[in-house]
Amino acid sequence: MTAQKDGDDSYAEFRRVVNMPPARLRKWLDSEASRSVGMTKGGEKVTKAGEGEAVGHHMGERILEIRATAKAALTEQDKADMRKVIGYVHRHLAQRPSGDVKDSRWRHSLMNWGHDPLR
């Protein structure tokens, strides 16, 4: 596979797994629920707003930046972050808990990464 083809595949998969439109993702990231889930870069669990920024919340901000960038203008860092999002979403979808996930930390964490599993 050529680098161009690999990049096209990653771009398409990123667009597929990030299933929250930018306005909806922005609204979610601005919510207290979004800031109350995940793990910090230092490995601490976030259970309420103000305990530090979770890696996923930060990546949600990056997703908005990437989505606002023309495909031809994407940097190598943008592409690496896109692959990181794809990997995270795939891994966490495979860990779906049983029962109702509507208000679960699992769903909220995925939503920070731009994916709403209920869509």
PDB file of N, CA and C in Angstrom:
ATOM      1  N   MET A   1       0.847  -1.174   0.000  1.00  0.00           N
ATOM      2  CA  MET A   1       0.000   0.000   0.000  1.00  0.00           C
ATOM      3  C   MET A   1       0.898   1.245   0.000  1.00  0.00           C
ATOM      4  N   THR A   2       0.551   2.202  -0.808  1.00  0.00           N
ATOM      5  CA  THR A   2       1.351   3.426  -0.865  1.00  0.00           C
ATOM      6  C   THR A   2       1.024   4.318   0.318  1.00  0.00           C
ATOM      7  N   ALA A   3       1.942   5.247   0.603  1.00  0.00           N
ATOM      8  CA  ALA A   3       1.711   6.190   1.711  1.00  0.00           C
ATOM      9  C   ALA A   3       0.448   7.006   1.455  1.00  0.00           C
ATOM     10  N   GLN A   4       0.219   7.391   0.203  1.00  0.00           N
ATOM     11  CA  GLN A   4      -0.982   8.167  -0.156  1.00  0.00           C
ATOM     12  C   GLN A   4      -2.242   7.353   0.123  1.00  0.00           C
ATOM     13  N   LYS A   5      -2.245   6.076  -0.294  1.00  0.00           N
ATOM     14  CA  LYS A   5      -3.406   5.217  -0.082  1.00  0.00           C
ATOM     15  C   LYS A   5      -3.650   5.007   1.404  1.00  0.00           C
ATOM     16  N   ASP A   6      -2.564   4.778   2.168  1.00  0.00           N
ATOM     17  CA  ASP A   6      -2.685   4.610   3.618  1.00  0.00           C
ATOM     18  C   ASP A   6      -3.267   5.873   4.250  1.00  0.00           C
ATOM     19  N   GLY A   7      -2.791   7.032   3.814  1.00  0.00           N
ATOM     20  CA  GLY A   7      -3.312   8.300   4.329  1.00  0.00           C
ATOM     21  C   GLY A   7      -4.774   8.495   3.994  1.00  0.00           C
ATOM     22  N   ASP A   8      -5.169   8.105   2.773  1.00  0.00           N
ATOM     23  CA  ASP A   8      -6.571   8.212   2.375  1.00  0.00           C
ATOM     24  C   ASP A   8      -7.448   7.294   3.210  1.00  0.00           C
ATOM     25  N   ASP A   9      -6.942   6.069   3.468  1.00  0.00           N
ATOM     26  CA  ASP A   9      -7.690   5.122   4.288  1.00  0.00           C
ATOM     27  C   ASP A   9      -7.850   5.647   5.717  1.00  0.00           C
ATOM     28  N   SER A  10      -6.780   6.194   6.285  1.00  0.00           N
ATOM     29  CA  SER A  10      -6.842   6.741   7.645  1.00  0.00           C
ATOM     30  C   SER A  10      -7.806   7.915   7.704  1.00  0.00           C
ATOM     31  N   TYR A  11      -7.771   8.769   6.702  1.00  0.00           N
ATOM     32  CA  TYR A  11      -8.671   9.931   6.667  1.00  0.00           C
ATOM     33  C   TYR A  11     -10.121   9.453   6.628  1.00  0.00           C
ATOM     34  N   ALA A  12     -10.412   8.494   5.749  1.00  0.00           N
ATOM     35  CA  ALA A  12     -11.774   7.979   5.634  1.00  0.00           C
ATOM     36  C   ALA A  12     -12.227   7.319   6.935  1.00  0.00           C
ATOM     37  N   GLU A  13     -11.340   6.533   7.555  1.00  0.00           N
ATOM     38  CA  GLU A  13     -11.704   5.859   8.806  1.00  0.00           C
ATOM     39  C   GLU A  13     -11.882   6.869   9.931  1.00  0.00           C
ATOM     40  N   PHE A  14     -11.053   7.888   9.987  1.00  0.00           N
ATOM     41  CA  PHE A  14     -11.204   8.960  10.975  1.00  0.00           C
ATOM     42  C   PHE A  14     -12.569   9.616  10.818  1.00  0.00           C
ATOM     43  N   ARG A  15     -12.933   9.947   9.591  1.00  0.00           N
ATOM     44  CA  ARG A  15     -14.229  10.583   9.344  1.00  0.00           C
ATOM     45  C   ARG A  15     -15.375   9.645   9.739  1.00  0.00           C
ATOM     46  N   ARG A  16     -15.170   8.334   9.604  1.00  0.00           N
ATOM     47  CA  ARG A  16     -16.205   7.370   9.965  1.00  0.00           C
ATOM     48  C   ARG A  16     -16.339   7.232  11.478  1.00  0.00           C
ATOM     49  N   VAL A  17     -15.213   7.102  12.195  1.00  0.00           N
ATOM     50  CA  VAL A  17     -15.303   6.870  13.645  1.00  0.00           C
ATOM     51  C   VAL A  17     -15.653   8.139  14.412  1.00  0.00           C
ATOM     52  N   VAL A  18     -15.293   9.300  13.900  1.00  0.00           N
ATOM     53  CA  VAL A  18     -15.696  10.558  14.542  1.00  0.00           C
ATOM     54  C   VAL A  18     -17.095  10.867  14.005  1.00  0.00           C
ATOM     55  N   ASN A  19     -18.093  10.311  14.683  1.00  0.00           N
ATOM     56  CA  ASN A  19     -19.462  10.404  14.187  1.00  0.00           C
ATOM     57  C   ASN A  19     -20.261  11.549  14.817  1.00  0.00           C
ATOM     58  N   MET A  20     -19.606  12.377  15.609  1.00  0.00           N
ATOM     59  CA  MET A  20     -20.280  13.542  16.186  1.00  0.00           C
ATOM     60  C   MET A  20     -19.939  14.764  15.330  1.00  0.00           C
ATOM     61  N   PRO A  21     -20.957  15.466  14.820  1.00  0.00           N
ATOM     62  CA  PRO A  21     -20.686  16.684  14.059  1.00  0.00           C
ATOM     63  C   PRO A  21     -19.937  17.693  14.938  1.00  0.00           C
ATOM     64  N   PRO A  22     -19.110  18.546  14.346  1.00  0.00           N
ATOM     65  CA  PRO A  22     -18.324  19.500  15.138  1.00  0.00           C
ATOM     66  C   PRO A  22     -19.136  20.310  16.152  1.00  0.00           C
ATOM     67  N   ALA A  23     -20.300  20.805  15.788  1.00  0.00           N
ATOM     68  CA  ALA A  23     -21.091  21.608  16.730  1.00  0.00           C
ATOM     69  C   ALA A  23     -21.538  20.765  17.927  1.00  0.00           C
ATOM     70  N   ARG A  24     -21.898  19.526  17.680  1.00  0.00           N
ATOM     71  CA  ARG A  24     -22.324  18.643  18.779  1.00  0.00           C
ATOM     72  C   ARG A  24     -21.136  18.285  19.665  1.00  0.00           C
ATOM     73  N   LEU A  25     -19.977  18.020  19.042  1.00  0.00           N
ATOM     74  CA  LEU A  25     -18.775  17.717  19.821  1.00  0.00           C
ATOM     75  C   LEU A  25     -18.374  18.920  20.660  1.00  0.00           C
ATOM     76  N   ARG A  26     -18.433  20.120  20.098  1.00  0.00           N
ATOM     77  CA  ARG A  26     -18.096  21.341  20.852  1.00  0.00           C
ATOM     78  C   ARG A  26     -19.016  21.478  22.065  1.00  0.00           C
ATOM     79  N   LYS A  27     -20.320  21.296  21.848  1.00  0.00           N
ATOM     80  CA  LYS A  27     -21.284  21.407  22.954  1.00  0.00           C
ATOM     81  C   LYS A  27     -20.965  20.368  24.033  1.00  0.00           C
ATOM     82  N   TRP A  28     -20.652  19.135  23.607  1.00  0.00           N
ATOM     83  CA  TRP A  28     -20.312  18.080  24.557  1.00  0.00           C
ATOM     84  C   TRP A  28     -19.054  18.443  25.340  1.00  0.00           C
ATOM     85  N   LEU A  29     -17.986  18.868  24.648  1.00  0.00           N
ATOM     86  CA  LEU A  29     -16.719  19.182  25.316  1.00  0.00           C
ATOM     87  C   LEU A  29     -16.866  20.323  26.318  1.00  0.00           C
ATOM     88  N   ASP A  30     -17.828  21.201  26.096  1.00  0.00           N
ATOM     89  CA  ASP A  30     -18.067  22.315  27.011  1.00  0.00           C
ATOM     90  C   ASP A  30     -18.897  21.913  28.232  1.00  0.00           C
ATOM     91  N   SER A  31     -19.387  20.684  28.261  1.00  0.00           N
ATOM     92  CA  SER A  31     -20.257  20.242  29.358  1.00  0.00           C
ATOM     93  C   SER A  31     -19.455  19.751  30.557  1.00  0.00           C
ATOM     94  N   GLU A  32     -20.082  19.791  31.713  1.00  0.00           N
ATOM     95  CA  GLU A  32     -19.451  19.267  32.930  1.00  0.00           C
ATOM     96  C   GLU A  32     -19.255  17.757  32.830  1.00  0.00           C
ATOM     97  N   ALA A  33     -20.201  17.055  32.203  1.00  0.00           N
ATOM     98  CA  ALA A  33     -20.079  15.604  32.057  1.00  0.00           C
ATOM     99  C   ALA A  33     -18.824  15.236  31.270  1.00  0.00           C
ATOM    100  N   SER A  34     -18.519  16.010  30.239  1.00  0.00           N
ATOM    101  CA  SER A  34     -17.320  15.749  29.439  1.00  0.00           C
ATOM    102  C   SER A  34     -16.056  15.927  30.265  1.00  0.00           C
ATOM    103  N   ARG A  35     -16.052  16.912  31.127  1.00  0.00           N
ATOM    104  CA  ARG A  35     -14.869  17.216  31.943  1.00  0.00           C
ATOM    105  C   ARG A  35     -14.771  16.340  33.191  1.00  0.00           C
ATOM    106  N   SER A  36     -15.703  15.395  33.328  1.00  0.00           N
ATOM    107  CA  SER A  36     -15.762  14.551  34.533  1.00  0.00           C
ATOM    108  C   SER A  36     -15.465  13.087  34.246  1.00  0.00           C
ATOM    109  N   VAL A  37     -14.757  12.807  33.171  1.00  0.00           N
ATOM    110  CA  VAL A  37     -14.494  11.418  32.786  1.00  0.00           C
ATOM    111  C   VAL A  37     -13.126  11.323  32.115  1.00  0.00           C
ATOM    112  N   GLY A  38     -12.494  10.168  32.279  1.00  0.00           N
ATOM    113  CA  GLY A  38     -11.225   9.900  31.607  1.00  0.00           C
ATOM    114  C   GLY A  38     -10.060   9.848  32.565  1.00  0.00           C
ATOM    115  N   MET A  39      -8.881   9.838  31.966  1.00  0.00           N
ATOM    116  CA  MET A  39      -7.632   9.796  32.727  1.00  0.00           C
ATOM    117  C   MET A  39      -6.762  10.962  32.286  1.00  0.00           C
ATOM    118  N   THR A  40      -6.051  11.549  33.249  1.00  0.00           N
ATOM    119  CA  THR A  40      -5.127  12.628  32.909  1.00  0.00           C
ATOM    120  C   THR A  40      -3.878  12.030  32.275  1.00  0.00           C
ATOM    121  N   LYS A  41      -3.060  12.876  31.693  1.00  0.00           N
ATOM    122  CA  LYS A  41      -1.811  12.432  31.091  1.00  0.00           C
ATOM    123  C   LYS A  41      -0.922  11.747  32.136  1.00  0.00           C
ATOM    124  N   GLY A  42      -1.040  12.177  33.390  1.00  0.00           N
ATOM    125  CA  GLY A  42      -0.265  11.585  34.474  1.00  0.00           C
ATOM    126  C   GLY A  42      -0.846  10.292  35.014  1.00  0.00           C
ATOM    127  N   GLY A  43      -2.015   9.860  34.495  1.00  0.00           N
ATOM    128  CA  GLY A  43      -2.610   8.591  34.892  1.00  0.00           C
ATOM    129  C   GLY A  43      -3.645   8.678  35.994  1.00  0.00           C
ATOM    130  N   GLU A  44      -4.009   9.903  36.427  1.00  0.00           N
ATOM    131  CA  GLU A  44      -5.034  10.032  37.462  1.00  0.00           C
ATOM    132  C   GLU A  44      -6.421   9.959  36.833  1.00  0.00           C
ATOM    133  N   LYS A  45      -7.334   9.279  37.512  1.00  0.00           N
ATOM    134  CA  LYS A  45      -8.713   9.161  37.046  1.00  0.00           C
ATOM    135  C   LYS A  45      -9.447  10.472  37.303  1.00  0.00           C
ATOM    136  N   VAL A  46     -10.145  10.968  36.302  1.00  0.00           N
ATOM    137  CA  VAL A  46     -10.950  12.180  36.429  1.00  0.00           C
ATOM    138  C   VAL A  46     -12.382  11.750  36.740  1.00  0.00           C
ATOM    139  N   THR A  47     -12.918  12.226  37.871  1.00  0.00           N
ATOM    140  CA  THR A  47     -14.281  11.864  38.252  1.00  0.00           C
ATOM    141  C   THR A  47     -15.197  13.068  38.393  1.00  0.00           C
ATOM    142  N   LYS A  48     -14.615  14.277  38.331  1.00  0.00           N
ATOM    143  CA  LYS A  48     -15.434  15.491  38.360  1.00  0.00           C
ATOM    144  C   LYS A  48     -14.657  16.614  37.684  1.00  0.00           C
ATOM    145  N   ALA A  49     -15.407  17.593  37.195  1.00  0.00           N
ATOM    146  CA  ALA A  49     -14.787  18.731  36.524  1.00  0.00           C
ATOM    147  C   ALA A  49     -13.811  19.411  37.484  1.00  0.00           C
ATOM    148  N   GLY A  50     -12.702  19.876  36.961  1.00  0.00           N
ATOM    149  CA  GLY A  50     -11.728  20.591  37.774  1.00  0.00           C
ATOM    150  C   GLY A  50     -10.601  19.725  38.315  1.00  0.00           C
ATOM    151  N   GLU A  51     -10.653  18.409  38.062  1.00  0.00           N
ATOM    152  CA  GLU A  51      -9.595  17.520  38.556  1.00  0.00           C
ATOM    153  C   GLU A  51      -8.425  17.400  37.576  1.00  0.00           C
ATOM    154  N   GLY A  52      -8.424  18.200  36.558  1.00  0.00           N
ATOM    155  CA  GLY A  52      -7.395  18.115  35.524  1.00  0.00           C
ATOM    156  C   GLY A  52      -8.026  17.704  34.216  1.00  0.00           C
ATOM    157  N   GLU A  53      -7.347  18.019  33.130  1.00  0.00           N
ATOM    158  CA  GLU A  53      -7.914  17.682  31.825  1.00  0.00           C
ATOM    159  C   GLU A  53      -7.579  16.249  31.451  1.00  0.00           C
ATOM    160  N   ALA A  54      -8.606  15.506  31.090  1.00  0.00           N
ATOM    161  CA  ALA A  54      -8.422  14.128  30.634  1.00  0.00           C
ATOM    162  C   ALA A  54      -7.810  14.138  29.239  1.00  0.00           C
ATOM    163  N   VAL A  55      -7.064  13.096  28.954  1.00  0.00           N
ATOM    164  CA  VAL A  55      -6.448  12.931  27.634  1.00  0.00           C
ATOM    165  C   VAL A  55      -7.525  12.982  26.550  1.00  0.00           C
ATOM    166  N   GLY A  56      -8.644  12.314  26.792  1.00  0.00           N
ATOM    167  CA  GLY A  56      -9.728  12.294  25.806  1.00  0.00           C
ATOM    168  C   GLY A  56     -10.323  13.662  25.567  1.00  0.00           C
ATOM    169  N   HIS A  57     -10.464  14.464  26.619  1.00  0.00           N
ATOM    170  CA  HIS A  57     -11.003  15.808  26.454  1.00  0.00           C
ATOM    171  C   HIS A  57     -10.056  16.638  25.590  1.00  0.00           C
ATOM    172  N   HIS A  58      -8.768  16.531  25.873  1.00  0.00           N
ATOM    173  CA  HIS A  58      -7.779  17.238  25.061  1.00  0.00           C
ATOM    174  C   HIS A  58      -7.857  16.765  23.606  1.00  0.00           C
ATOM    175  N   MET A  59      -8.007  15.454  23.412  1.00  0.00           N
ATOM    176  CA  MET A  59      -8.072  14.935  22.045  1.00  0.00           C
ATOM    177  C   MET A  59      -9.350  15.398  21.351  1.00  0.00           C
ATOM    178  N   GLY A  60     -10.417  15.581  22.086  1.00  0.00           N
ATOM    179  CA  GLY A  60     -11.637  16.131  21.486  1.00  0.00           C
ATOM    180  C   GLY A  60     -11.386  17.512  20.895  1.00  0.00           C
ATOM    181  N   GLU A  61     -10.600  18.318  21.606  1.00  0.00           N
ATOM    182  CA  GLU A  61     -10.229  19.642  21.086  1.00  0.00           C
ATOM    183  C   GLU A  61      -9.389  19.498  19.817  1.00  0.00           C
ATOM    184  N   ARG A  62      -8.466  18.519  19.820  1.00  0.00           N
ATOM    185  CA  ARG A  62      -7.635  18.263  18.626  1.00  0.00           C
ATOM    186  C   ARG A  62      -8.505  17.808  17.452  1.00  0.00           C
ATOM    187  N   ILE A  63      -9.504  16.982  17.744  1.00  0.00           N
ATOM    188  CA  ILE A  63     -10.404  16.514  16.685  1.00  0.00           C
ATOM    189  C   ILE A  63     -11.081  17.694  16.014  1.00  0.00           C
ATOM    190  N   LEU A  64     -11.533  18.654  16.812  1.00  0.00           N
ATOM    191  CA  LEU A  64     -12.166  19.840  16.230  1.00  0.00           C
ATOM    192  C   LEU A  64     -11.188  20.610  15.348  1.00  0.00           C
ATOM    193  N   GLU A  65      -9.934  20.709  15.777  1.00  0.00           N
ATOM    194  CA  GLU A  65      -8.917  21.374  14.957  1.00  0.00           C
ATOM    195  C   GLU A  65      -8.704  20.613  13.642  1.00  0.00           C
ATOM    196  N   ILE A  66      -8.590  19.312  13.737  1.00  0.00           N
ATOM    197  CA  ILE A  66      -8.360  18.490  12.544  1.00  0.00           C
ATOM    198  C   ILE A  66      -9.542  18.595  11.591  1.00  0.00           C
ATOM    199  N   ARG A  67     -10.748  18.508  12.125  1.00  0.00           N
ATOM    200  CA  ARG A  67     -11.949  18.595  11.279  1.00  0.00           C
ATOM    201  C   ARG A  67     -12.047  19.944  10.573  1.00  0.00           C
ATOM    202  N   ALA A  68     -11.475  20.987  11.168  1.00  0.00           N
ATOM    203  CA  ALA A  68     -11.528  22.325  10.567  1.00  0.00           C
ATOM    204  C   ALA A  68     -10.412  22.547   9.550  1.00  0.00           C
ATOM    205  N   THR A  69      -9.541  21.560   9.381  1.00  0.00           N
ATOM    206  CA  THR A  69      -8.398  21.665   8.478  1.00  0.00           C
ATOM    207  C   THR A  69      -8.705  20.947   7.169  1.00  0.00           C
ATOM    208  N   ALA A  70      -8.384  21.589   6.068  1.00  0.00           N
ATOM    209  CA  ALA A  70      -8.558  20.943   4.766  1.00  0.00           C
ATOM    210  C   ALA A  70      -7.673  19.699   4.695  1.00  0.00           C
ATOM    211  N   LYS A  71      -8.160  18.661   4.038  1.00  0.00           N
ATOM    212  CA  LYS A  71      -7.417  17.404   3.942  1.00  0.00           C
ATOM    213  C   LYS A  71      -5.995  17.626   3.419  1.00  0.00           C
ATOM    214  N   ALA A  72      -5.848  18.470   2.410  1.00  0.00           N
ATOM    215  CA  ALA A  72      -4.530  18.718   1.809  1.00  0.00           C
ATOM    216  C   ALA A  72      -3.584  19.455   2.754  1.00  0.00           C
ATOM    217  N   ALA A  73      -4.122  20.108   3.778  1.00  0.00           N
ATOM    218  CA  ALA A  73      -3.307  20.893   4.711  1.00  0.00           C
ATOM    219  C   ALA A  73      -2.969  20.135   5.996  1.00  0.00           C
ATOM    220  N   LEU A  74      -3.399  18.881   6.107  1.00  0.00           N
ATOM    221  CA  LEU A  74      -3.126  18.117   7.318  1.00  0.00           C
ATOM    222  C   LEU A  74      -1.632  17.878   7.482  1.00  0.00           C
ATOM    223  N   THR A  75      -1.156  18.064   8.707  1.00  0.00           N
ATOM    224  CA  THR A  75       0.261  17.846   9.016  1.00  0.00           C
ATOM    225  C   THR A  75       0.482  16.385   9.418  1.00  0.00           C
ATOM    226  N   GLU A  76       1.750  16.001   9.536  1.00  0.00           N
ATOM    227  CA  GLU A  76       2.060  14.655  10.006  1.00  0.00           C
ATOM    228  C   GLU A  76       1.528  14.448  11.424  1.00  0.00           C
ATOM    229  N   GLN A  77       1.560  15.494  12.268  1.00  0.00           N
ATOM    230  CA  GLN A  77       1.013  15.380  13.624  1.00  0.00           C
ATOM    231  C   GLN A  77      -0.496  15.182  13.576  1.00  0.00           C
ATOM    232  N   ASP A  78      -1.182  15.902  12.679  1.00  0.00           N
ATOM    233  CA  ASP A  78      -2.624  15.706  12.512  1.00  0.00           C
ATOM    234  C   ASP A  78      -2.913  14.252  12.140  1.00  0.00           C
ATOM    235  N   LYS A  79      -2.140  13.718  11.207  1.00  0.00           N
ATOM    236  CA  LYS A  79      -2.351  12.342  10.750  1.00  0.00           C
ATOM    237  C   LYS A  79      -2.067  11.342  11.870  1.00  0.00           C
ATOM    238  N   ALA A  80      -1.036  11.594  12.663  1.00  0.00           N
ATOM    239  CA  ALA A  80      -0.734  10.722  13.800  1.00  0.00           C
ATOM    240  C   ALA A  80      -1.875  10.772  14.817  1.00  0.00           C
ATOM    241  N   ASP A  81      -2.410  11.960  15.070  1.00  0.00           N
ATOM    242  CA  ASP A  81      -3.528  12.093  16.007  1.00  0.00           C
ATOM    243  C   ASP A  81      -4.783  11.415  15.458  1.00  0.00           C
ATOM    244  N   MET A  82      -4.986  11.482  14.159  1.00  0.00           N
ATOM    245  CA  MET A  82      -6.126  10.788  13.557  1.00  0.00           C
ATOM    246  C   MET A  82      -6.011   9.282  13.791  1.00  0.00           C
ATOM    247  N   ARG A  83      -4.811   8.734  13.594  1.00  0.00           N
ATOM    248  CA  ARG A  83      -4.603   7.297  13.826  1.00  0.00           C
ATOM    249  C   ARG A  83      -4.811   6.949  15.304  1.00  0.00           C
ATOM    250  N   LYS A  84      -4.423   7.842  16.195  1.00  0.00           N
ATOM    251  CA  LYS A  84      -4.616   7.627  17.630  1.00  0.00           C
ATOM    252  C   LYS A  84      -6.113   7.556  17.961  1.00  0.00           C
ATOM    253  N   VAL A  85      -6.888   8.458  17.372  1.00  0.00           N
ATOM    254  CA  VAL A  85      -8.343   8.467  17.580  1.00  0.00           C
ATOM    255  C   VAL A  85      -8.950   7.162  17.067  1.00  0.00           C
ATOM    256  N   ILE A  86      -8.566   6.761  15.877  1.00  0.00           N
ATOM    257  CA  ILE A  86      -9.087   5.525  15.283  1.00  0.00           C
ATOM    258  C   ILE A  86      -8.802   4.337  16.207  1.00  0.00           C
ATOM    259  N   GLY A  87      -7.571   4.224  16.682  1.00  0.00           N
ATOM    260  CA  GLY A  87      -7.204   3.123  17.562  1.00  0.00           C
ATOM    261  C   GLY A  87      -7.983   3.133  18.861  1.00  0.00           C
ATOM    262  N   TYR A  88      -8.098   4.320  19.476  1.00  0.00           N
ATOM    263  CA  TYR A  88      -8.823   4.433  20.734  1.00  0.00           C
ATOM    264  C   TYR A  88     -10.276   3.992  20.563  1.00  0.00           C
ATOM    265  N   VAL A  89     -10.939   4.526  19.543  1.00  0.00           N
ATOM    266  CA  VAL A  89     -12.356   4.211  19.343  1.00  0.00           C
ATOM    267  C   VAL A  89     -12.539   2.717  19.112  1.00  0.00           C
ATOM    268  N   HIS A  90     -11.726   2.121  18.260  1.00  0.00           N
ATOM    269  CA  HIS A  90     -11.854   0.682  18.009  1.00  0.00           C
ATOM    270  C   HIS A  90     -11.626  -0.140  19.279  1.00  0.00           C
ATOM    271  N   ARG A  91     -10.585   0.188  20.053  1.00  0.00           N
ATOM    272  CA  ARG A  91     -10.306  -0.559  21.289  1.00  0.00           C
ATOM    273  C   ARG A  91     -11.456  -0.441  22.282  1.00  0.00           C
ATOM    274  N   HIS A  92     -11.975   0.764  22.460  1.00  0.00           N
ATOM    275  CA  HIS A  92     -13.011   0.960  23.468  1.00  0.00           C
ATOM    276  C   HIS A  92     -14.378   0.438  23.034  1.00  0.00           C
ATOM    277  N   LEU A  93     -14.658   0.438  21.750  1.00  0.00           N
ATOM    278  CA  LEU A  93     -15.907  -0.180  21.295  1.00  0.00           C
ATOM    279  C   LEU A  93     -15.900  -1.670  21.613  1.00  0.00           C
ATOM    280  N   ALA A  94     -14.741  -2.294  21.549  1.00  0.00           N
ATOM    281  CA  ALA A  94     -14.616  -3.723  21.849  1.00  0.00           C
ATOM    282  C   ALA A  94     -14.811  -4.011  23.339  1.00  0.00           C
ATOM    283  N   GLN A  95     -14.758  -2.973  24.185  1.00  0.00           N
ATOM    284  CA  GLN A  95     -14.893  -3.144  25.632  1.00  0.00           C
ATOM    285  C   GLN A  95     -16.270  -2.697  26.135  1.00  0.00           C
ATOM    286  N   ARG A  96     -17.249  -2.665  25.252  1.00  0.00           N
ATOM    287  CA  ARG A  96     -18.586  -2.195  25.622  1.00  0.00           C
ATOM    288  C   ARG A  96     -19.115  -2.967  26.833  1.00  0.00           C
ATOM    289  N   PRO A  97     -19.524  -2.249  27.861  1.00  0.00           N
ATOM    290  CA  PRO A  97     -20.085  -2.938  29.034  1.00  0.00           C
ATOM    291  C   PRO A  97     -21.510  -3.417  28.740  1.00  0.00           C
ATOM    292  N   SER A  98     -21.974  -4.345  29.539  1.00  0.00           N
ATOM    293  CA  SER A  98     -23.347  -4.816  29.364  1.00  0.00           C
ATOM    294  C   SER A  98     -24.305  -3.800  29.975  1.00  0.00           C
ATOM    295  N   GLY A  99     -25.522  -3.894  29.583  1.00  0.00           N
ATOM    296  CA  GLY A  99     -26.553  -3.021  30.133  1.00  0.00           C
ATOM    297  C   GLY A  99     -26.668  -1.696  29.396  1.00  0.00           C
ATOM    298  N   ASP A 100     -27.397  -0.795  30.019  1.00  0.00           N
ATOM    299  CA  ASP A 100     -27.664   0.523  29.443  1.00  0.00           C
ATOM    300  C   ASP A 100     -26.408   1.384  29.558  1.00  0.00           C
ATOM    301  N   VAL A 101     -25.906   1.861  28.431  1.00  0.00           N
ATOM    302  CA  VAL A 101     -24.672   2.652  28.431  1.00  0.00           C
ATOM    303  C   VAL A 101     -24.938   4.150  28.262  1.00  0.00           C
ATOM    304  N   LYS A 102     -26.215   4.549  28.227  1.00  0.00           N
ATOM    305  CA  LYS A 102     -26.551   5.939  27.921  1.00  0.00           C
ATOM    306  C   LYS A 102     -25.781   6.940  28.780  1.00  0.00           C
ATOM    307  N   ASP A 103     -25.747   6.749  30.070  1.00  0.00           N
ATOM    308  CA  ASP A 103     -25.082   7.696  30.964  1.00  0.00           C
ATOM    309  C   ASP A 103     -23.808   7.087  31.579  1.00  0.00           C
ATOM    310  N   SER A 104     -23.174   6.198  30.855  1.00  0.00           N
ATOM    311  CA  SER A 104     -22.001   5.509  31.389  1.00  0.00           C
ATOM    312  C   SER A 104     -20.716   6.292  31.143  1.00  0.00           C
ATOM    313  N   ARG A 105     -19.732   6.075  31.999  1.00  0.00           N
ATOM    314  CA  ARG A 105     -18.397   6.659  31.796  1.00  0.00           C
ATOM    315  C   ARG A 105     -17.805   6.158  30.478  1.00  0.00           C
ATOM    316  N   TRP A 106     -18.094   4.911  30.115  1.00  0.00           N
ATOM    317  CA  TRP A 106     -17.606   4.328  28.869  1.00  0.00           C
ATOM    318  C   TRP A 106     -18.073   5.163  27.674  1.00  0.00           C
ATOM    319  N   ARG A 107     -19.369   5.442  27.612  1.00  0.00           N
ATOM    320  CA  ARG A 107     -19.907   6.250  26.504  1.00  0.00           C
ATOM    321  C   ARG A 107     -19.351   7.664  26.555  1.00  0.00           C
ATOM    322  N   HIS A 108     -19.319   8.266  27.729  1.00  0.00           N
ATOM    323  CA  HIS A 108     -18.841   9.650  27.845  1.00  0.00           C
ATOM    324  C   HIS A 108     -17.383   9.763  27.424  1.00  0.00           C
ATOM    325  N   SER A 109     -16.585   8.766  27.762  1.00  0.00           N
ATOM    326  CA  SER A 109     -15.193   8.778  27.346  1.00  0.00           C
ATOM    327  C   SER A 109     -15.089   8.717  25.818  1.00  0.00           C
ATOM    328  N   LEU A 110     -15.846   7.832  25.203  1.00  0.00           N
ATOM    329  CA  LEU A 110     -15.850   7.749  23.738  1.00  0.00           C
ATOM    330  C   LEU A 110     -16.310   9.066  23.116  1.00  0.00           C
ATOM    331  N   MET A 111     -17.287   9.694  23.719  1.00  0.00           N
ATOM    332  CA  MET A 111     -17.786  10.961  23.175  1.00  0.00           C
ATOM    333  C   MET A 111     -16.697  12.040  23.227  1.00  0.00           C
ATOM    334  N   ASN A 112     -15.844  12.019  24.253  1.00  0.00           N
ATOM    335  CA  ASN A 112     -14.719  12.962  24.286  1.00  0.00           C
ATOM    336  C   ASN A 112     -13.811  12.777  23.074  1.00  0.00           C
ATOM    337  N   TRP A 113     -13.761  11.564  22.552  1.00  0.00           N
ATOM    338  CA  TRP A 113     -12.947  11.231  21.389  1.00  0.00           C
ATOM    339  C   TRP A 113     -13.750  11.365  20.094  1.00  0.00           C
ATOM    340  N   GLY A 114     -14.931  11.980  20.179  1.00  0.00           N
ATOM    341  CA  GLY A 114     -15.722  12.282  18.989  1.00  0.00           C
ATOM    342  C   GLY A 114     -16.628  11.188  18.503  1.00  0.00           C
ATOM    343  N   HIS A 115     -16.761  10.106  19.283  1.00  0.00           N
ATOM    344  CA  HIS A 115     -17.601   8.985  18.867  1.00  0.00           C
ATOM    345  C   HIS A 115     -18.723   8.749  19.871  1.00  0.00           C
ATOM    346  N   ASP A 116     -19.961   8.845  19.391  1.00  0.00           N
ATOM    347  CA  ASP A 116     -21.103   8.516  20.237  1.00  0.00           C
ATOM    348  C   ASP A 116     -21.595   7.133  19.828  1.00  0.00           C
ATOM    349  N   PRO A 117     -21.389   6.121  20.688  1.00  0.00           N
ATOM    350  CA  PRO A 117     -21.771   4.758  20.317  1.00  0.00           C
ATOM    351  C   PRO A 117     -23.291   4.558  20.163  1.00  0.00           C
ATOM    352  N   LEU A 118     -24.079   5.524  20.576  1.00  0.00           N
ATOM    353  CA  LEU A 118     -25.531   5.409  20.432  1.00  0.00           C
ATOM    354  C   LEU A 118     -26.036   6.030  19.130  1.00  0.00           C
ATOM    355  N   ARG A 119     -25.130   6.568  18.333  1.00  0.00           N
ATOM    356  CA  ARG A 119     -25.534   7.145  17.027  1.00  0.00           C
ATOM    357  C   ARG A 119     -25.536   6.081  15.972  1.00  0.00           C
TER     358      ARG A 119
END
